[in-house]
């Protein structure tokens, strides 16, 4: 039996997901980000579900998704209700899951040609608060 690797073509996809980093195509990301099939938005400021607010929802809506996969870290944690409702009122579906599940689901939906956005929350690393790391 012959095996072939079928890589998604024509869109961005997840290659790997760990607790503190995610690989998109061949790029390792260690900060929160948004991923659409045709666009990567780095430096999304949401590092935990409790920080998900109207501005974060607006950044997602600007990508015109039909469904959002909200990856909340190593575990599924539901964010505040109001920003999720704001997306639903725009007829944008929202699914909350852990990052690994969000990455797998994104690859499936993007591979089917769906307009999906993965919003991946990654915790800030120690010394990653914007200033120099403590020695």
Protein backbone atom coordinates (compact mmCIF):
# COMPACT_ATOMS: atom_id res chain seq x y z
CA UNK A 1 0.00 0.00 0.00
CA UNK A 2 1.34 3.40 -0.97
CA UNK A 3 0.79 6.46 1.23
CA UNK A 4 0.88 10.00 -0.04
CA UNK A 5 0.88 13.20 1.96
CA UNK A 6 -2.00 15.41 0.91
CA UNK A 7 -1.15 18.98 1.93
CA UNK A 8 -3.81 21.68 1.71
CA UNK A 9 -3.16 23.99 -1.21
CA UNK A 10 -4.33 27.51 -1.73
CA UNK A 11 -4.91 28.36 1.92
CA UNK A 12 -3.08 28.77 5.20
CA UNK A 13 -3.22 25.75 7.49
CA UNK A 14 -2.03 24.45 10.86
CA UNK A 15 0.88 22.06 10.89
CA UNK A 16 1.39 21.68 14.67
CA UNK A 17 -0.16 22.78 17.96
CA UNK A 18 1.35 22.63 21.46
CA UNK A 19 0.36 24.31 24.74
CA UNK A 20 2.53 27.37 24.10
CA UNK A 21 3.10 27.52 20.32
CA UNK A 22 1.31 26.82 17.05
CA UNK A 23 2.84 26.26 13.61
CA UNK A 24 1.02 27.80 10.65
CA UNK A 25 2.44 26.33 7.44
CA UNK A 26 6.15 26.60 8.43
CA UNK A 27 5.96 29.55 10.83
CA UNK A 28 5.98 29.00 14.61
CA UNK A 29 3.75 31.46 16.49
CA UNK A 30 3.99 31.99 20.25
CA UNK A 31 1.48 34.83 20.64
CA UNK A 32 -2.28 34.94 20.12
CA UNK A 33 -3.44 35.35 16.51
CA UNK A 34 -6.30 35.08 14.02
CA UNK A 35 -6.09 32.77 11.01
CA UNK A 36 -8.33 32.87 7.95
CA UNK A 37 -7.67 30.73 4.86
CA UNK A 38 -6.09 33.74 3.12
CA UNK A 39 -4.76 35.82 6.01
CA UNK A 40 -2.78 35.63 9.25
CA UNK A 41 -3.32 38.42 11.79
CA UNK A 42 -0.58 38.31 14.40
CA UNK A 43 -0.47 40.08 17.76
CA UNK A 44 -4.16 39.59 18.53
CA UNK A 45 -4.17 40.88 22.13
CA UNK A 46 -6.40 38.20 23.70
CA UNK A 47 -4.33 35.74 25.78
CA UNK A 48 -7.16 34.29 27.89
CA UNK A 49 -10.91 33.72 27.45
CA UNK A 50 -11.78 36.33 30.10
CA UNK A 51 -10.11 39.00 27.90
CA UNK A 52 -12.39 38.33 24.92
CA UNK A 53 -14.28 41.59 24.47
CA UNK A 54 -16.11 43.67 21.86
CA UNK A 55 -12.84 44.87 20.26
CA UNK A 56 -11.60 41.29 19.94
CA UNK A 57 -14.90 40.23 18.36
CA UNK A 58 -14.73 43.18 15.95
CA UNK A 59 -11.23 42.14 14.81
CA UNK A 60 -12.64 38.70 14.01
CA UNK A 61 -15.73 40.08 12.24
CA UNK A 62 -13.48 42.25 10.03
CA UNK A 63 -12.25 39.01 8.40
CA UNK A 64 -15.83 38.21 7.23
CA UNK A 65 -16.03 34.62 8.52
CA UNK A 66 -19.08 32.38 8.38
CA UNK A 67 -17.81 30.51 11.44
CA UNK A 68 -15.26 31.28 14.18
CA UNK A 69 -13.32 28.63 16.06
CA UNK A 70 -12.35 30.23 19.36
CA UNK A 71 -9.33 28.36 20.71
CA UNK A 72 -9.04 29.18 24.41
CA UNK A 73 -5.72 27.53 25.22
CA UNK A 74 -4.94 24.06 26.53
CA UNK A 75 -8.50 23.72 27.88
CA UNK A 76 -11.92 24.82 26.71
CA UNK A 77 -12.95 27.93 28.67
CA UNK A 78 -16.04 29.91 27.77
CA UNK A 79 -15.46 33.65 27.30
CA UNK A 80 -17.85 36.44 28.32
CA UNK A 81 -21.23 36.16 26.68
CA UNK A 82 -21.64 39.65 25.16
CA UNK A 83 -18.90 39.55 22.47
CA UNK A 84 -20.02 36.08 21.40
CA UNK A 85 -23.60 37.34 21.06
CA UNK A 86 -22.33 40.26 18.96
CA UNK A 87 -20.84 37.77 16.48
CA UNK A 88 -23.99 35.64 16.45
CA UNK A 89 -26.11 38.73 15.68
CA UNK A 90 -24.00 39.20 12.56
CA UNK A 91 -24.84 35.61 11.58
CA UNK A 92 -21.31 34.43 12.37
CA UNK A 93 -21.26 31.03 14.04
CA UNK A 94 -19.01 30.64 17.10
CA UNK A 95 -17.55 27.43 18.47
CA UNK A 96 -15.46 27.47 21.66
CA UNK A 97 -12.86 24.71 22.04
CA UNK A 98 -9.30 24.07 23.15
CA UNK A 99 -6.55 25.11 20.75
CA UNK A 100 -5.75 21.62 19.49
CA UNK A 101 -9.40 20.98 18.58
CA UNK A 102 -9.68 24.44 16.98
CA UNK A 103 -6.60 23.76 14.83
CA UNK A 104 -7.88 20.36 13.66
CA UNK A 105 -11.37 21.68 12.93
CA UNK A 106 -10.00 24.72 11.08
CA UNK A 107 -7.94 22.49 8.77
CA UNK A 108 -11.03 20.43 7.92
CA UNK A 109 -13.29 23.42 7.26
CA UNK A 110 -10.68 25.42 5.34
CA UNK A 111 -9.93 22.31 3.26
CA UNK A 112 -13.62 22.23 2.31
CA UNK A 113 -13.42 25.83 1.14
CA UNK A 114 -15.41 27.26 4.08
CA UNK A 115 -14.84 30.84 5.24
CA UNK A 116 -13.54 29.95 8.71
CA UNK A 117 -11.46 31.97 11.16
CA UNK A 118 -9.48 30.40 13.99
CA UNK A 119 -8.92 32.78 16.92
CA UNK A 120 -6.11 31.15 18.88
CA UNK A 121 -5.30 32.33 22.41
CA UNK A 122 -1.75 31.67 23.57
CA UNK A 123 -0.53 32.74 27.02
CA UNK A 124 2.24 35.32 27.19
CA UNK A 125 5.60 33.81 27.95
CA UNK A 126 7.53 35.03 30.99
CA UNK A 127 9.49 38.14 30.08
CA UNK A 128 7.16 38.78 27.12
CA UNK A 129 5.37 41.80 28.63
CA UNK A 130 6.81 44.28 26.17
CA UNK A 131 9.89 45.31 28.13
CA UNK A 132 13.23 43.64 28.59
CA UNK A 133 13.18 40.29 30.37
CA UNK A 134 14.37 40.25 33.96
CA UNK A 135 17.85 38.80 34.33
